[in-house]
Amino acid sequence: MYGLKTEASFDSAHFLTDYYGKCENLHGHRWRTVVYLETDELQTEGTMRDMVLDFGVFKRAVRDLAEELDHTFLVEEGSLGEATMAALAAEGFSLTVLPFRTTAENLARYVCERLTEQGLPVSQVDMYETPNNCAVYRAR
């Protein structure tokens, strides 16, 4: 089994709907995502012969996704009223509306799915919301 690992960070705000604690309020994190690739065999042809994947390609894919999420307000679809969303947009806030509750667990799965769609053999994503706490999503 062969594997690669890279990571990227992004800053974004979120809140948790239907949560009764501090995290129900708008707050931000410096999210750190660690992505692992895994494959049974190395590539056999071309410039990536004897590699899982070129590190430059891998790093760029992870960093591009982190850039999409950087300095934006991650909003669970339907969690804010239309008037609130319109007011935030009118004020020029960057909003990323996602079809799930914006937990670290769901963000780890989201990163895994987005990178897998690009053809990367993702085996695991660790999503740190603090330096000491992370959610783990393992692809099946």
C-alpha atoms as a PDB file:
ATOM      1  CA  MET A   1       0.000   0.000   0.000  1.00  0.00           C
ATOM      2  CA  TYR A   2       1.322   3.438  -0.963  1.00  0.00           C
ATOM      3  CA  GLY A   3       0.211   6.773   0.369  1.00  0.00           C
ATOM      4  CA  LEU A   4       0.743  10.521   0.325  1.00  0.00           C
ATOM      5  CA  LYS A   5      -0.263  13.237   2.762  1.00  0.00           C
ATOM      6  CA  THR A   6      -0.568  16.983   2.451  1.00  0.00           C
ATOM      7  CA  GLU A   7      -2.414  19.712   4.281  1.00  0.00           C
ATOM      8  CA  ALA A   8      -3.841  23.188   3.910  1.00  0.00           C
ATOM      9  CA  SER A   9      -5.535  25.710   6.182  1.00  0.00           C
ATOM     10  CA  PHE A  10      -8.347  28.187   5.780  1.00  0.00           C
ATOM     11  CA  ASP A  11     -10.169  30.674   7.976  1.00  0.00           C
ATOM     12  CA  SER A  12     -13.940  30.768   7.962  1.00  0.00           C
ATOM     13  CA  ALA A  13     -16.928  31.489  10.146  1.00  0.00           C
ATOM     14  CA  HIS A  14     -19.883  29.246  10.898  1.00  0.00           C
ATOM     15  CA  PHE A  15     -22.477  28.398  13.507  1.00  0.00           C
ATOM     16  CA  LEU A  16     -24.332  25.217  14.350  1.00  0.00           C
ATOM     17  CA  THR A  17     -28.080  25.171  13.945  1.00  0.00           C
ATOM     18  CA  ASP A  18     -30.168  23.441  16.597  1.00  0.00           C
ATOM     19  CA  TYR A  19     -27.206  23.335  18.966  1.00  0.00           C
ATOM     20  CA  TYR A  20     -27.477  24.503  22.531  1.00  0.00           C
ATOM     21  CA  GLY A  21     -24.066  25.754  23.505  1.00  0.00           C
ATOM     22  CA  LYS A  22     -21.461  28.307  22.485  1.00  0.00           C
ATOM     23  CA  CYS A  23     -21.255  26.991  18.926  1.00  0.00           C
ATOM     24  CA  GLU A  24     -24.821  28.029  18.124  1.00  0.00           C
ATOM     25  CA  ASN A  25     -23.416  31.561  17.873  1.00  0.00           C
ATOM     26  CA  LEU A  26     -21.471  32.832  14.905  1.00  0.00           C
ATOM     27  CA  HIS A  27     -17.752  32.161  15.419  1.00  0.00           C
ATOM     28  CA  GLY A  28     -14.675  31.401  13.368  1.00  0.00           C
ATOM     29  CA  HIS A  29     -11.924  28.836  13.095  1.00  0.00           C
ATOM     30  CA  ARG A  30      -8.557  28.436  11.495  1.00  0.00           C
ATOM     31  CA  TRP A  31      -9.462  25.099   9.949  1.00  0.00           C
ATOM     32  CA  ARG A  32      -6.607  22.743   9.118  1.00  0.00           C
ATOM     33  CA  THR A  33      -7.323  19.929   6.713  1.00  0.00           C
ATOM     34  CA  VAL A  34      -4.965  16.980   6.319  1.00  0.00           C
ATOM     35  CA  VAL A  35      -5.625  14.778   3.299  1.00  0.00           C
ATOM     36  CA  TYR A  36      -4.294  11.252   2.769  1.00  0.00           C
ATOM     37  CA  LEU A  37      -4.133   9.411  -0.544  1.00  0.00           C
ATOM     38  CA  GLU A  38      -3.766   5.654  -0.733  1.00  0.00           C
ATOM     39  CA  THR A  39      -3.347   3.175  -3.573  1.00  0.00           C
ATOM     40  CA  ASP A  40      -2.254  -0.433  -3.989  1.00  0.00           C
ATOM     41  CA  GLU A  41      -0.155   0.248  -7.067  1.00  0.00           C
ATOM     42  CA  LEU A  42       2.009   3.083  -8.317  1.00  0.00           C
ATOM     43  CA  GLN A  43       1.300   4.624 -11.700  1.00  0.00           C
ATOM     44  CA  THR A  44       3.050   2.791 -14.525  1.00  0.00           C
ATOM     45  CA  GLU A  45       3.237   5.339 -17.344  1.00  0.00           C
ATOM     46  CA  GLY A  46       4.056   8.945 -18.141  1.00  0.00           C
ATOM     47  CA  THR A  47       5.625  11.600 -15.957  1.00  0.00           C
ATOM     48  CA  MET A  48       3.977  10.178 -12.834  1.00  0.00           C
ATOM     49  CA  ARG A  49       5.432   6.697 -13.370  1.00  0.00           C
ATOM     50  CA  ASP A  50       6.303   5.096 -10.010  1.00  0.00           C
ATOM     51  CA  MET A  51       4.271   7.715  -8.094  1.00  0.00           C
ATOM     52  CA  VAL A  52       0.931   7.708  -6.321  1.00  0.00           C
ATOM     53  CA  LEU A  53       0.430  11.214  -7.736  1.00  0.00           C
ATOM     54  CA  ASP A  54       2.700  14.164  -8.349  1.00  0.00           C
ATOM     55  CA  PHE A  55       2.921  16.171  -5.110  1.00  0.00           C
ATOM     56  CA  GLY A  56       2.383  19.412  -7.047  1.00  0.00           C
ATOM     57  CA  VAL A  57      -0.921  18.144  -8.460  1.00  0.00           C
ATOM     58  CA  PHE A  58      -1.996  16.868  -5.033  1.00  0.00           C
ATOM     59  CA  LYS A  59      -1.042  20.040  -3.146  1.00  0.00           C
ATOM     60  CA  ARG A  60      -2.704  22.278  -5.735  1.00  0.00           C
ATOM     61  CA  ALA A  61      -6.012  20.366  -5.537  1.00  0.00           C
ATOM     62  CA  VAL A  62      -6.102  20.552  -1.725  1.00  0.00           C
ATOM     63  CA  ARG A  63      -5.030  24.185  -1.595  1.00  0.00           C
ATOM     64  CA  ASP A  64      -7.503  25.234  -4.308  1.00  0.00           C
ATOM     65  CA  LEU A  65     -10.338  23.733  -2.275  1.00  0.00           C
ATOM     66  CA  ALA A  66      -9.065  25.425   0.904  1.00  0.00           C
ATOM     67  CA  GLU A  67      -8.947  28.713  -1.014  1.00  0.00           C
ATOM     68  CA  GLU A  68     -12.635  28.312  -1.947  1.00  0.00           C
ATOM     69  CA  LEU A  69     -13.499  28.046   1.756  1.00  0.00           C
ATOM     70  CA  ASP A  70     -11.096  30.728   2.986  1.00  0.00           C
ATOM     71  CA  HIS A  71     -12.491  33.914   4.538  1.00  0.00           C
ATOM     72  CA  THR A  72     -16.098  33.007   3.919  1.00  0.00           C
ATOM     73  CA  PHE A  73     -19.140  32.395   6.085  1.00  0.00           C
ATOM     74  CA  LEU A  74     -20.068  28.707   5.872  1.00  0.00           C
ATOM     75  CA  VAL A  75     -23.858  28.570   6.074  1.00  0.00           C
ATOM     76  CA  GLU A  76     -26.023  25.479   6.310  1.00  0.00           C
ATOM     77  CA  GLU A  77     -28.670  25.714   3.617  1.00  0.00           C
ATOM     78  CA  GLY A  78     -31.964  26.873   5.112  1.00  0.00           C
ATOM     79  CA  SER A  79     -30.484  27.795   8.490  1.00  0.00           C
ATOM     80  CA  LEU A  80     -30.890  31.556   8.034  1.00  0.00           C
ATOM     81  CA  GLY A  81     -33.926  33.465   6.823  1.00  0.00           C
ATOM     82  CA  GLU A  82     -34.049  34.871   3.316  1.00  0.00           C
ATOM     83  CA  ALA A  83     -33.952  38.430   4.644  1.00  0.00           C
ATOM     84  CA  THR A  84     -30.815  37.662   6.681  1.00  0.00           C
ATOM     85  CA  MET A  85     -29.089  36.048   3.694  1.00  0.00           C
ATOM     86  CA  ALA A  86     -30.057  38.994   1.490  1.00  0.00           C
ATOM     87  CA  ALA A  87     -28.784  41.507   4.058  1.00  0.00           C
ATOM     88  CA  LEU A  88     -25.447  39.694   4.402  1.00  0.00           C
ATOM     89  CA  ALA A  89     -25.042  39.520   0.635  1.00  0.00           C
ATOM     90  CA  ALA A  90     -26.001  43.200   0.264  1.00  0.00           C
ATOM     91  CA  GLU A  91     -23.271  44.099   2.760  1.00  0.00           C
ATOM     92  CA  GLY A  92     -20.749  42.233   0.620  1.00  0.00           C
ATOM     93  CA  PHE A  93     -20.124  39.250   2.887  1.00  0.00           C
ATOM     94  CA  SER A  94     -18.738  36.133   1.251  1.00  0.00           C
ATOM     95  CA  LEU A  95     -21.245  33.332   1.837  1.00  0.00           C
ATOM     96  CA  THR A  96     -20.739  29.651   1.053  1.00  0.00           C
ATOM     97  CA  VAL A  97     -24.052  27.844   1.370  1.00  0.00           C
ATOM     98  CA  LEU A  98     -23.633  24.127   1.988  1.00  0.00           C
ATOM     99  CA  PRO A  99     -26.300  21.393   1.986  1.00  0.00           C
ATOM    100  CA  PHE A 100     -25.285  20.120   5.433  1.00  0.00           C
ATOM    101  CA  ARG A 101     -24.732  21.239   9.024  1.00  0.00           C
ATOM    102  CA  THR A 102     -21.278  22.813   9.074  1.00  0.00           C
ATOM    103  CA  THR A 103     -19.651  20.484  11.591  1.00  0.00           C
ATOM    104  CA  ALA A 104     -16.006  19.436  11.322  1.00  0.00           C
ATOM    105  CA  GLU A 105     -17.216  15.913  10.539  1.00  0.00           C
ATOM    106  CA  ASN A 106     -19.287  17.060   7.580  1.00  0.00           C
ATOM    107  CA  LEU A 107     -16.549  19.371   6.318  1.00  0.00           C
ATOM    108  CA  ALA A 108     -14.082  16.455   6.370  1.00  0.00           C
ATOM    109  CA  ARG A 109     -16.498  14.365   4.294  1.00  0.00           C
ATOM    110  CA  TYR A 110     -17.092  17.325   1.941  1.00  0.00           C
ATOM    111  CA  VAL A 111     -13.359  17.723   1.292  1.00  0.00           C
ATOM    112  CA  CYS A 112     -13.031  13.976   0.692  1.00  0.00           C
ATOM    113  CA  GLU A 113     -15.916  13.929  -1.781  1.00  0.00           C
ATOM    114  CA  ARG A 114     -14.747  17.016  -3.685  1.00  0.00           C
ATOM    115  CA  LEU A 115     -11.224  15.627  -4.110  1.00  0.00           C
ATOM    116  CA  THR A 116     -12.485  12.155  -5.002  1.00  0.00           C
ATOM    117  CA  GLU A 117     -14.606  13.758  -7.757  1.00  0.00           C
ATOM    118  CA  GLN A 118     -11.320  15.056  -9.198  1.00  0.00           C
ATOM    119  CA  GLY A 119      -9.995  11.500  -9.389  1.00  0.00           C
ATOM    120  CA  LEU A 120      -7.748  11.591  -6.335  1.00  0.00           C
ATOM    121  CA  PRO A 121      -7.571   8.292  -4.397  1.00  0.00           C
ATOM    122  CA  VAL A 122      -8.474   9.885  -1.039  1.00  0.00           C
ATOM    123  CA  SER A 123      -8.422   7.484   1.890  1.00  0.00           C
ATOM    124  CA  GLN A 124      -8.842   9.884   4.813  1.00  0.00           C
ATOM    125  CA  VAL A 125      -9.376  13.538   5.663  1.00  0.00           C
ATOM    126  CA  ASP A 126      -8.643  15.037   9.095  1.00  0.00           C
ATOM    127  CA  MET A 127     -10.411  18.353   9.732  1.00  0.00           C
ATOM    128  CA  TYR A 128      -8.978  20.290  12.682  1.00  0.00           C
ATOM    129  CA  GLU A 129     -11.180  23.028  14.088  1.00  0.00           C
ATOM    130  CA  THR A 130      -8.678  23.732  16.869  1.00  0.00           C
ATOM    131  CA  PRO A 131      -5.021  22.686  17.153  1.00  0.00           C
ATOM    132  CA  ASN A 132      -5.993  19.823  19.466  1.00  0.00           C
ATOM    133  CA  ASN A 133      -9.346  18.664  18.083  1.00  0.00           C
ATOM    134  CA  CYS A 134     -10.133  17.134  14.742  1.00  0.00           C
ATOM    135  CA  ALA A 135     -12.801  15.102  13.012  1.00  0.00           C
ATOM    136  CA  VAL A 136     -11.757  12.198  10.812  1.00  0.00           C
ATOM    137  CA  TYR A 137     -13.526  10.961   7.689  1.00  0.00           C
ATOM    138  CA  ARG A 138     -12.348   7.723   6.097  1.00  0.00           C
ATOM    139  CA  ALA A 139     -13.387   6.887   2.542  1.00  0.00           C
ATOM    140  CA  ARG A 140     -14.693   3.396   1.953  1.00  0.00           C
END
